[in-house]
Amino acid sequence: MSYAEVNGLRLWYESRGAGRPLVLLHGAYGAAETFAPLLPALTGRHRVIRVDLQGHGRTADVDRPLRHESMADDVAALLRHLDLPDADLLGHSLGGGVALRVAIQHPALVRRLVVVSAPCRRGGWYPEVLAAMAAHDEREGERMRGTPSYELYARIAPRPEDWPRLWARSGELMRRDYDWSAEVAALTAPTLLVFADADSIPSAHMAEFFGLLGGGHRDPGGDGSARPASRLAVLPGLTHADIVGSPALPAAVLPFLHHPAVTPA
């Protein structure tokens, strides 16, 4: 476990295992511990680097807004700090958006990308999810004291009293509109999209996102040679909340990361 001084932020990270580097980025109000159930499967074949994003976990907040773009710059700076120019990235929810922005903003640093339960535009969430996100503020944070997310934050955060501040900053982020469709269509890194079949994102957006990556436009041919470089996995019996701890996730991710030649048709 260590810290890297990047972009005025003291960014916490942990590295374990050996092999090709795989960076894991957690969701909102989470921390590196989110991925603990997956470590036995992943560290057997990868050097796994877990990161606590700005204002989350062991990484204290700084005087700047929470933005996918700036957090992506932090991750890119960490990769350069660790001299990892060709890493694989996996992000869940908020972390999925950050991982996607790393691939967009710093394409030379990303070999393969895994986006778990995250849309490519704000309107990709269900309307009721957007309404719930819009209500995130300090008062909602106070109401969430006593939850598992709060208990983890209270135990590991440098300033546990910043919990309501995290909710206020996260709510401001979640209310911001964005649409990265054009940038997604220009991505060069082979990408795996992973969703739950009962996710917070409708299946229509899953198909739209995959279509931007070249998927779902034509039959791949009898030998599969016309398949796109990117992949789509919809995992059954899971939700946005429990997909990241399911053994079905590494079972879908590892074959993609280790495919010998993921190249465009």
C-alpha atoms as a PDB file:
ATOM      1  CA  MET A   1       0.000   0.000   0.000  1.00  0.00           C
ATOM      2  CA  SER A   2       1.313   3.430  -0.904  1.00  0.00           C
ATOM      3  CA  TYR A   3       0.517   6.961  -2.039  1.00  0.00           C
ATOM      4  CA  ALA A   4       1.444   8.751  -5.220  1.00  0.00           C
ATOM      5  CA  GLU A   5       1.598  12.548  -5.409  1.00  0.00           C
ATOM      6  CA  VAL A   6      -0.314  13.323  -8.620  1.00  0.00           C
ATOM      7  CA  ASN A   7      -1.989  16.527  -9.790  1.00  0.00           C
ATOM      8  CA  GLY A   8      -1.973  18.023  -6.303  1.00  0.00           C
ATOM      9  CA  LEU A   9      -3.608  14.883  -4.903  1.00  0.00           C
ATOM     10  CA  ARG A  10      -2.188  12.253  -2.565  1.00  0.00           C
ATOM     11  CA  LEU A  11      -3.637   9.245  -4.382  1.00  0.00           C
ATOM     12  CA  TRP A  12      -3.757   5.928  -2.511  1.00  0.00           C
ATOM     13  CA  TYR A  13      -3.113   2.676  -4.336  1.00  0.00           C
ATOM     14  CA  GLU A  14      -2.267  -0.937  -3.566  1.00  0.00           C
ATOM     15  CA  SER A  15      -0.441  -3.419  -5.785  1.00  0.00           C
ATOM     16  CA  ARG A  16      -0.494  -7.193  -5.401  1.00  0.00           C
ATOM     17  CA  GLY A  17       0.033 -10.230  -7.577  1.00  0.00           C
ATOM     18  CA  ALA A  18       2.251 -10.565 -10.647  1.00  0.00           C
ATOM     19  CA  GLY A  19       1.743 -10.441 -14.384  1.00  0.00           C
ATOM     20  CA  ARG A  20       0.185  -7.907 -16.749  1.00  0.00           C
ATOM     21  CA  PRO A  21      -0.994  -4.838 -14.768  1.00  0.00           C
ATOM     22  CA  LEU A  22      -4.732  -4.519 -14.206  1.00  0.00           C
ATOM     23  CA  VAL A  23      -6.029  -1.332 -12.568  1.00  0.00           C
ATOM     24  CA  LEU A  24      -9.340  -1.543 -10.657  1.00  0.00           C
ATOM     25  CA  LEU A  25     -11.483   1.571 -10.134  1.00  0.00           C
ATOM     26  CA  HIS A  26     -14.395   1.474  -7.681  1.00  0.00           C
ATOM     27  CA  GLY A  27     -17.828   3.071  -7.795  1.00  0.00           C
ATOM     28  CA  ALA A  28     -19.227   6.091  -5.961  1.00  0.00           C
ATOM     29  CA  TYR A  29     -18.882   6.011  -2.154  1.00  0.00           C
ATOM     30  CA  GLY A  30     -16.723   2.902  -2.492  1.00  0.00           C
ATOM     31  CA  ALA A  31     -13.058   2.095  -2.110  1.00  0.00           C
ATOM     32  CA  ALA A  32     -10.525  -0.553  -3.093  1.00  0.00           C
ATOM     33  CA  GLU A  33     -12.256  -3.018  -0.753  1.00  0.00           C
ATOM     34  CA  THR A  34     -15.111  -3.224  -3.267  1.00  0.00           C
ATOM     35  CA  PHE A  35     -12.989  -5.613  -5.315  1.00  0.00           C
ATOM     36  CA  ALA A  36     -11.824  -7.859  -2.458  1.00  0.00           C
ATOM     37  CA  PRO A  37     -13.995 -10.834  -3.576  1.00  0.00           C
ATOM     38  CA  LEU A  38     -12.335 -10.780  -7.016  1.00  0.00           C
ATOM     39  CA  LEU A  39      -8.702 -10.708  -5.908  1.00  0.00           C
ATOM     40  CA  PRO A  40      -8.128 -14.480  -5.726  1.00  0.00           C
ATOM     41  CA  ALA A  41      -9.244 -14.872  -9.346  1.00  0.00           C
ATOM     42  CA  LEU A  42      -7.411 -11.806 -10.663  1.00  0.00           C
ATOM     43  CA  THR A  43      -4.090 -11.847  -8.813  1.00  0.00           C
ATOM     44  CA  GLY A  44      -3.307 -15.328 -10.083  1.00  0.00           C
ATOM     45  CA  ARG A  45      -2.690 -13.878 -13.542  1.00  0.00           C
ATOM     46  CA  HIS A  46      -2.279 -10.128 -13.032  1.00  0.00           C
ATOM     47  CA  ARG A  47      -0.496  -7.495 -11.059  1.00  0.00           C
ATOM     48  CA  VAL A  48      -3.656  -5.950  -9.631  1.00  0.00           C
ATOM     49  CA  ILE A  49      -3.534  -2.266  -8.715  1.00  0.00           C
ATOM     50  CA  ARG A  50      -6.475  -1.006  -6.697  1.00  0.00           C
ATOM     51  CA  VAL A  51      -6.974   2.758  -6.444  1.00  0.00           C
ATOM     52  CA  ASP A  52      -9.005   4.939  -4.090  1.00  0.00           C
ATOM     53  CA  LEU A  53     -10.273   7.822  -6.229  1.00  0.00           C
ATOM     54  CA  GLN A  54     -10.383  11.466  -5.146  1.00  0.00           C
ATOM     55  CA  GLY A  55     -12.326  11.918  -1.906  1.00  0.00           C
ATOM     56  CA  HIS A  56     -12.921   8.175  -1.543  1.00  0.00           C
ATOM     57  CA  GLY A  57     -11.388   5.634   0.786  1.00  0.00           C
ATOM     58  CA  ARG A  58      -7.873   6.576   1.867  1.00  0.00           C
ATOM     59  CA  THR A  59      -7.514   9.375  -0.689  1.00  0.00           C
ATOM     60  CA  ALA A  60      -8.429  12.665   0.943  1.00  0.00           C
ATOM     61  CA  ASP A  61     -10.392  15.223  -1.053  1.00  0.00           C
ATOM     62  CA  VAL A  62      -8.728  18.345  -2.431  1.00  0.00           C
ATOM     63  CA  ASP A  63     -10.003  21.760  -3.426  1.00  0.00           C
ATOM     64  CA  ARG A  64     -11.339  20.881  -6.854  1.00  0.00           C
ATOM     65  CA  PRO A  65     -14.676  19.466  -8.055  1.00  0.00           C
ATOM     66  CA  LEU A  66     -15.188  15.769  -8.627  1.00  0.00           C
ATOM     67  CA  ARG A  67     -15.021  15.164 -12.368  1.00  0.00           C
ATOM     68  CA  HIS A  68     -14.609  12.006 -14.418  1.00  0.00           C
ATOM     69  CA  GLU A  69     -12.045  13.832 -16.520  1.00  0.00           C
ATOM     70  CA  SER A  70      -9.804  14.994 -13.651  1.00  0.00           C
ATOM     71  CA  MET A  71      -9.968  11.621 -11.908  1.00  0.00           C
ATOM     72  CA  ALA A  72      -8.965  10.027 -15.217  1.00  0.00           C
ATOM     73  CA  ASP A  73      -5.956  12.342 -15.320  1.00  0.00           C
ATOM     74  CA  ASP A  74      -5.081  11.181 -11.788  1.00  0.00           C
ATOM     75  CA  VAL A  75      -5.150   7.537 -12.859  1.00  0.00           C
ATOM     76  CA  ALA A  76      -3.056   8.330 -15.919  1.00  0.00           C
ATOM     77  CA  ALA A  77      -0.516  10.131 -13.732  1.00  0.00           C
ATOM     78  CA  LEU A  78      -0.391   7.094 -11.426  1.00  0.00           C
ATOM     79  CA  LEU A  79       0.296   4.809 -14.402  1.00  0.00           C
ATOM     80  CA  ARG A  80       3.171   7.061 -15.430  1.00  0.00           C
ATOM     81  CA  HIS A  81       4.398   7.198 -11.813  1.00  0.00           C
ATOM     82  CA  LEU A  82       4.480   3.391 -11.774  1.00  0.00           C
ATOM     83  CA  ASP A  83       5.972   3.234 -15.277  1.00  0.00           C
ATOM     84  CA  LEU A  84       3.019   1.238 -16.628  1.00  0.00           C
ATOM     85  CA  PRO A  85       2.450   2.526 -20.179  1.00  0.00           C
ATOM     86  CA  ASP A  86       0.323  -0.400 -21.377  1.00  0.00           C
ATOM     87  CA  ALA A  87      -2.066  -1.389 -18.582  1.00  0.00           C
ATOM     88  CA  ASP A  88      -5.520  -2.945 -18.576  1.00  0.00           C
ATOM     89  CA  LEU A  89      -8.260  -0.982 -16.791  1.00  0.00           C
ATOM     90  CA  LEU A  90     -11.470  -2.176 -15.144  1.00  0.00           C
ATOM     91  CA  GLY A  91     -13.914   0.260 -13.582  1.00  0.00           C
ATOM     92  CA  HIS A  92     -17.327  -0.183 -11.997  1.00  0.00           C
ATOM     93  CA  SER A  93     -20.057   2.491 -12.149  1.00  0.00           C
ATOM     94  CA  LEU A  94     -18.289   5.795 -11.323  1.00  0.00           C
ATOM     95  CA  GLY A  95     -15.000   3.953 -11.807  1.00  0.00           C
ATOM     96  CA  GLY A  96     -16.258   2.709 -15.152  1.00  0.00           C
ATOM     97  CA  GLY A  97     -16.749   6.278 -16.296  1.00  0.00           C
ATOM     98  CA  VAL A  98     -13.287   7.204 -15.023  1.00  0.00           C
ATOM     99  CA  ALA A  99     -11.708   4.198 -16.776  1.00  0.00           C
ATOM    100  CA  LEU A 100     -13.497   5.151 -19.988  1.00  0.00           C
ATOM    101  CA  ARG A 101     -12.163   8.702 -19.733  1.00  0.00           C
ATOM    102  CA  VAL A 102      -8.612   7.383 -19.208  1.00  0.00           C
ATOM    103  CA  ALA A 103      -8.912   5.464 -22.480  1.00  0.00           C
ATOM    104  CA  ILE A 104     -10.308   8.550 -24.234  1.00  0.00           C
ATOM    105  CA  GLN A 105      -7.880  11.102 -22.777  1.00  0.00           C
ATOM    106  CA  HIS A 106      -4.747   8.936 -22.542  1.00  0.00           C
ATOM    107  CA  PRO A 107      -5.149   6.189 -25.167  1.00  0.00           C
ATOM    108  CA  ALA A 108      -1.455   5.282 -25.236  1.00  0.00           C
ATOM    109  CA  LEU A 109      -1.650   4.139 -21.603  1.00  0.00           C
ATOM    110  CA  VAL A 110      -4.509   1.649 -22.038  1.00  0.00           C
ATOM    111  CA  ARG A 111      -4.133  -1.779 -23.640  1.00  0.00           C
ATOM    112  CA  ARG A 112      -7.621  -3.131 -22.932  1.00  0.00           C
ATOM    113  CA  LEU A 113     -10.584  -1.567 -21.169  1.00  0.00           C
ATOM    114  CA  VAL A 114     -13.381  -3.133 -19.130  1.00  0.00           C
ATOM    115  CA  VAL A 115     -16.378  -0.930 -18.295  1.00  0.00           C
ATOM    116  CA  VAL A 116     -18.736  -2.466 -15.745  1.00  0.00           C
ATOM    117  CA  SER A 117     -22.241  -1.058 -15.233  1.00  0.00           C
ATOM    118  CA  ALA A 118     -21.556   2.446 -16.536  1.00  0.00           C
ATOM    119  CA  PRO A 119     -23.197   4.321 -19.436  1.00  0.00           C
ATOM    120  CA  CYS A 120     -21.468   6.467 -22.048  1.00  0.00           C
ATOM    121  CA  ARG A 121     -23.902   9.347 -21.558  1.00  0.00           C
ATOM    122  CA  ARG A 122     -25.876  10.569 -18.579  1.00  0.00           C
ATOM    123  CA  GLY A 123     -29.192   9.701 -20.220  1.00  0.00           C
ATOM    124  CA  GLY A 124     -28.103   6.062 -20.287  1.00  0.00           C
ATOM    125  CA  TRP A 125     -29.288   5.586 -16.694  1.00  0.00           C
ATOM    126  CA  TYR A 126     -32.920   4.734 -15.945  1.00  0.00           C
ATOM    127  CA  PRO A 127     -34.953   7.901 -15.210  1.00  0.00           C
ATOM    128  CA  GLU A 128     -35.563   6.834 -11.622  1.00  0.00           C
ATOM    129  CA  VAL A 129     -31.831   6.357 -11.123  1.00  0.00           C
ATOM    130  CA  LEU A 130     -31.168   9.858 -12.458  1.00  0.00           C
ATOM    131  CA  ALA A 131     -33.777  11.240 -10.062  1.00  0.00           C
ATOM    132  CA  ALA A 132     -32.122   9.477  -7.123  1.00  0.00           C
ATOM    133  CA  MET A 133     -28.683  10.746  -8.172  1.00  0.00           C
ATOM    134  CA  ALA A 134     -29.982  14.303  -8.405  1.00  0.00           C
ATOM    135  CA  ALA A 135     -30.980  14.118  -4.721  1.00  0.00           C
ATOM    136  CA  HIS A 136     -27.473  13.332  -3.465  1.00  0.00           C
ATOM    137  CA  ASP A 137     -26.359  16.097  -1.100  1.00  0.00           C
ATOM    138  CA  GLU A 138     -25.032  16.584   2.422  1.00  0.00           C
ATOM    139  CA  ARG A 139     -28.400  15.794   4.007  1.00  0.00           C
ATOM    140  CA  GLU A 140     -28.645  12.534   2.103  1.00  0.00           C
ATOM    141  CA  GLY A 141     -25.118  11.741   3.237  1.00  0.00           C
ATOM    142  CA  GLU A 142     -26.149  12.251   6.856  1.00  0.00           C
ATOM    143  CA  ARG A 143     -29.042   9.842   6.325  1.00  0.00           C
ATOM    144  CA  MET A 144     -26.608   7.249   4.981  1.00  0.00           C
ATOM    145  CA  ARG A 145     -24.585   7.076   8.186  1.00  0.00           C
ATOM    146  CA  GLY A 146     -24.611   3.524   9.492  1.00  0.00           C
ATOM    147  CA  THR A 147     -24.624   1.930   6.029  1.00  0.00           C
ATOM    148  CA  PRO A 148     -21.780  -0.417   5.000  1.00  0.00           C
ATOM    149  CA  SER A 149     -20.349   2.300   2.722  1.00  0.00           C
ATOM    150  CA  TYR A 150     -20.267   4.753   5.597  1.00  0.00           C
ATOM    151  CA  GLU A 151     -18.753   2.238   8.004  1.00  0.00           C
ATOM    152  CA  LEU A 152     -15.931   1.536   5.538  1.00  0.00           C
ATOM    153  CA  TYR A 153     -15.357   5.253   4.956  1.00  0.00           C
ATOM    154  CA  ALA A 154     -15.346   5.980   8.685  1.00  0.00           C
ATOM    155  CA  ARG A 155     -12.754   3.264   9.211  1.00  0.00           C
ATOM    156  CA  ILE A 156     -10.248   4.151   6.476  1.00  0.00           C
ATOM    157  CA  ALA A 157     -10.749   7.764   5.366  1.00  0.00           C
ATOM    158  CA  PRO A 158      -8.095  10.301   6.450  1.00  0.00           C
ATOM    159  CA  ARG A 159     -10.925  12.675   7.446  1.00  0.00           C
ATOM    160  CA  PRO A 160     -14.083  10.700   8.264  1.00  0.00           C
ATOM    161  CA  GLU A 161     -15.890  13.967   8.922  1.00  0.00           C
ATOM    162  CA  ASP A 162     -15.796  14.616   5.137  1.00  0.00           C
ATOM    163  CA  TRP A 163     -18.558  12.033   4.513  1.00  0.00           C
ATOM    164  CA  PRO A 164     -21.314  14.659   3.941  1.00  0.00           C
ATOM    165  CA  ARG A 165     -18.911  16.646   1.732  1.00  0.00           C
ATOM    166  CA  LEU A 166     -18.375  13.567  -0.426  1.00  0.00           C
ATOM    167  CA  TRP A 167     -22.127  13.263  -0.940  1.00  0.00           C
ATOM    168  CA  ALA A 168     -22.421  16.944  -1.855  1.00  0.00           C
ATOM    169  CA  ARG A 169     -19.570  16.747  -4.359  1.00  0.00           C
ATOM    170  CA  SER A 170     -20.812  13.438  -5.783  1.00  0.00           C
ATOM    171  CA  GLY A 171     -24.304  14.833  -6.204  1.00  0.00           C
ATOM    172  CA  GLU A 172     -22.942  17.819  -8.091  1.00  0.00           C
ATOM    173  CA  LEU A 173     -21.043  15.434 -10.377  1.00  0.00           C
ATOM    174  CA  MET A 174     -24.085  13.217 -10.932  1.00  0.00           C
ATOM    175  CA  ARG A 175     -26.267  16.190 -11.884  1.00  0.00           C
ATOM    176  CA  ARG A 176     -23.879  17.258 -14.654  1.00  0.00           C
ATOM    177  CA  ASP A 177     -24.903  16.269 -18.163  1.00  0.00           C
ATOM    178  CA  TYR A 178     -22.445  14.451 -20.420  1.00  0.00           C
ATOM    179  CA  ASP A 179     -22.429  12.533 -23.663  1.00  0.00           C
ATOM    180  CA  TRP A 180     -19.208  10.798 -24.702  1.00  0.00           C
ATOM    181  CA  SER A 181     -20.716   8.947 -27.657  1.00  0.00           C
ATOM    182  CA  ALA A 182     -18.492  10.499 -30.319  1.00  0.00           C
ATOM    183  CA  GLU A 183     -15.358   9.871 -28.254  1.00  0.00           C
ATOM    184  CA  VAL A 184     -16.399   6.278 -27.581  1.00  0.00           C
ATOM    185  CA  ALA A 185     -16.846   5.690 -31.299  1.00  0.00           C
ATOM    186  CA  ALA A 186     -13.231   6.829 -31.809  1.00  0.00           C
ATOM    187  CA  LEU A 187     -11.729   4.590 -29.099  1.00  0.00           C
ATOM    188  CA  THR A 188      -8.810   2.454 -30.153  1.00  0.00           C
ATOM    189  CA  ALA A 189      -8.511   0.185 -27.093  1.00  0.00           C
ATOM    190  CA  PRO A 190     -10.452  -3.096 -27.354  1.00  0.00           C
ATOM    191  CA  THR A 191     -13.260  -2.725 -24.822  1.00  0.00           C
ATOM    192  CA  LEU A 192     -15.415  -5.160 -22.888  1.00  0.00           C
ATOM    193  CA  LEU A 193     -18.751  -3.827 -21.646  1.00  0.00           C
ATOM    194  CA  VAL A 194     -20.195  -5.788 -18.725  1.00  0.00           C
ATOM    195  CA  PHE A 195     -23.692  -5.248 -17.369  1.00  0.00           C
ATOM    196  CA  ALA A 196     -26.083  -7.066 -15.068  1.00  0.00           C
ATOM    197  CA  ASP A 197     -29.339  -8.224 -16.565  1.00  0.00           C
ATOM    198  CA  ALA A 198     -31.093  -6.223 -13.814  1.00  0.00           C
ATOM    199  CA  ASP A 199     -28.744  -3.239 -13.962  1.00  0.00           C
ATOM    200  CA  SER A 200     -29.441   0.461 -13.359  1.00  0.00           C
ATOM    201  CA  ILE A 201     -28.879   0.893 -17.101  1.00  0.00           C
ATOM    202  CA  PRO A 202     -31.502  -0.318 -19.603  1.00  0.00           C
ATOM    203  CA  SER A 203     -30.589  -2.943 -22.165  1.00  0.00           C
ATOM    204  CA  ALA A 204     -31.294  -0.467 -24.964  1.00  0.00           C
ATOM    205  CA  HIS A 205     -28.386   1.668 -23.805  1.00  0.00           C
ATOM    206  CA  MET A 206     -26.163  -1.383 -23.442  1.00  0.00           C
ATOM    207  CA  ALA A 207     -26.810  -2.117 -27.127  1.00  0.00           C
ATOM    208  CA  GLU A 208     -26.294   1.533 -28.076  1.00  0.00           C
ATOM    209  CA  PHE A 209     -22.948   1.656 -26.233  1.00  0.00           C
ATOM    210  CA  PHE A 210     -21.829  -1.596 -27.850  1.00  0.00           C
ATOM    211  CA  GLY A 211     -22.888  -0.293 -31.246  1.00  0.00           C
ATOM    212  CA  LEU A 212     -20.625   2.733 -30.831  1.00  0.00           C
ATOM    213  CA  LEU A 213     -17.729   0.301 -30.341  1.00  0.00           C
ATOM    214  CA  GLY A 214     -18.535  -1.484 -33.597  1.00  0.00           C
ATOM    215  CA  GLY A 215     -20.651  -4.263 -32.141  1.00  0.00           C
ATOM    216  CA  GLY A 216     -23.992  -5.561 -33.369  1.00  0.00           C
ATOM    217  CA  HIS A 217     -23.799  -4.213 -36.911  1.00  0.00           C
ATOM    218  CA  ARG A 218     -23.323  -7.405 -38.920  1.00  0.00           C
ATOM    219  CA  ASP A 219     -23.032 -11.153 -38.782  1.00  0.00           C
ATOM    220  CA  PRO A 220     -19.437 -12.134 -37.880  1.00  0.00           C
ATOM    221  CA  GLY A 221     -19.287 -14.885 -40.496  1.00  0.00           C
ATOM    222  CA  GLY A 222     -19.015 -18.599 -39.992  1.00  0.00           C
ATOM    223  CA  ASP A 223     -15.450 -18.357 -38.684  1.00  0.00           C
ATOM    224  CA  GLY A 224     -16.116 -15.246 -36.587  1.00  0.00           C
ATOM    225  CA  SER A 225     -13.523 -13.251 -38.494  1.00  0.00           C
ATOM    226  CA  ALA A 226     -15.825 -10.245 -38.907  1.00  0.00           C
ATOM    227  CA  ARG A 227     -16.439  -9.822 -35.197  1.00  0.00           C
ATOM    228  CA  PRO A 228     -15.584  -6.457 -33.620  1.00  0.00           C
ATOM    229  CA  ALA A 229     -12.573  -5.978 -31.360  1.00  0.00           C
ATOM    230  CA  SER A 230     -14.857  -5.085 -28.473  1.00  0.00           C
ATOM    231  CA  ARG A 231     -17.186  -7.363 -26.538  1.00  0.00           C
ATOM    232  CA  LEU A 232     -20.473  -7.205 -24.623  1.00  0.00           C
ATOM    233  CA  ALA A 233     -21.360  -9.385 -21.622  1.00  0.00           C
ATOM    234  CA  VAL A 234     -24.713  -9.339 -19.821  1.00  0.00           C
ATOM    235  CA  LEU A 235     -24.461 -11.355 -16.625  1.00  0.00           C
ATOM    236  CA  PRO A 236     -27.645 -13.088 -15.459  1.00  0.00           C
ATOM    237  CA  GLY A 237     -29.224 -12.848 -12.034  1.00  0.00           C
ATOM    238  CA  LEU A 238     -27.239  -9.790 -10.949  1.00  0.00           C
ATOM    239  CA  THR A 239     -27.823  -6.092 -10.283  1.00  0.00           C
ATOM    240  CA  HIS A 240     -25.781  -2.912 -10.422  1.00  0.00           C
ATOM    241  CA  ALA A 241     -24.953  -3.345  -6.741  1.00  0.00           C
ATOM    242  CA  ASP A 242     -23.835  -6.978  -6.628  1.00  0.00           C
ATOM    243  CA  ILE A 243     -22.205  -7.497 -10.044  1.00  0.00           C
ATOM    244  CA  VAL A 244     -18.785  -6.353  -8.851  1.00  0.00           C
ATOM    245  CA  GLY A 245     -18.568  -9.062  -6.179  1.00  0.00           C
ATOM    246  CA  SER A 246     -19.825 -11.912  -8.332  1.00  0.00           C
ATOM    247  CA  PRO A 247     -17.525 -14.708  -9.562  1.00  0.00           C
ATOM    248  CA  ALA A 248     -19.284 -14.273 -12.913  1.00  0.00           C
ATOM    249  CA  LEU A 249     -17.394 -11.007 -13.400  1.00  0.00           C
ATOM    250  CA  PRO A 250     -13.818 -12.374 -13.536  1.00  0.00           C
ATOM    251  CA  ALA A 251     -15.169 -15.343 -15.505  1.00  0.00           C
ATOM    252  CA  ALA A 252     -16.246 -12.858 -18.187  1.00  0.00           C
ATOM    253  CA  VAL A 253     -13.267 -10.510 -17.895  1.00  0.00           C
ATOM    254  CA  LEU A 254     -10.265 -12.846 -17.862  1.00  0.00           C
ATOM    255  CA  PRO A 255     -10.905 -14.488 -21.269  1.00  0.00           C
ATOM    256  CA  PHE A 256     -11.197 -11.034 -22.824  1.00  0.00           C
ATOM    257  CA  LEU A 257      -7.971  -9.794 -21.249  1.00  0.00           C
ATOM    258  CA  HIS A 258      -6.090 -12.923 -22.307  1.00  0.00           C
ATOM    259  CA  HIS A 259      -7.505 -13.355 -25.793  1.00  0.00           C
ATOM    260  CA  PRO A 260      -4.419 -13.701 -28.011  1.00  0.00           C
ATOM    261  CA  ALA A 261      -5.523 -11.277 -30.695  1.00  0.00           C
ATOM    262  CA  VAL A 262      -8.365  -8.886 -30.002  1.00  0.00           C
ATOM    263  CA  THR A 263      -8.219  -6.893 -33.226  1.00  0.00           C
ATOM    264  CA  PRO A 264     -10.833  -5.103 -35.347  1.00  0.00           C
ATOM    265  CA  ALA A 265     -12.359  -6.952 -38.262  1.00  0.00           C
END
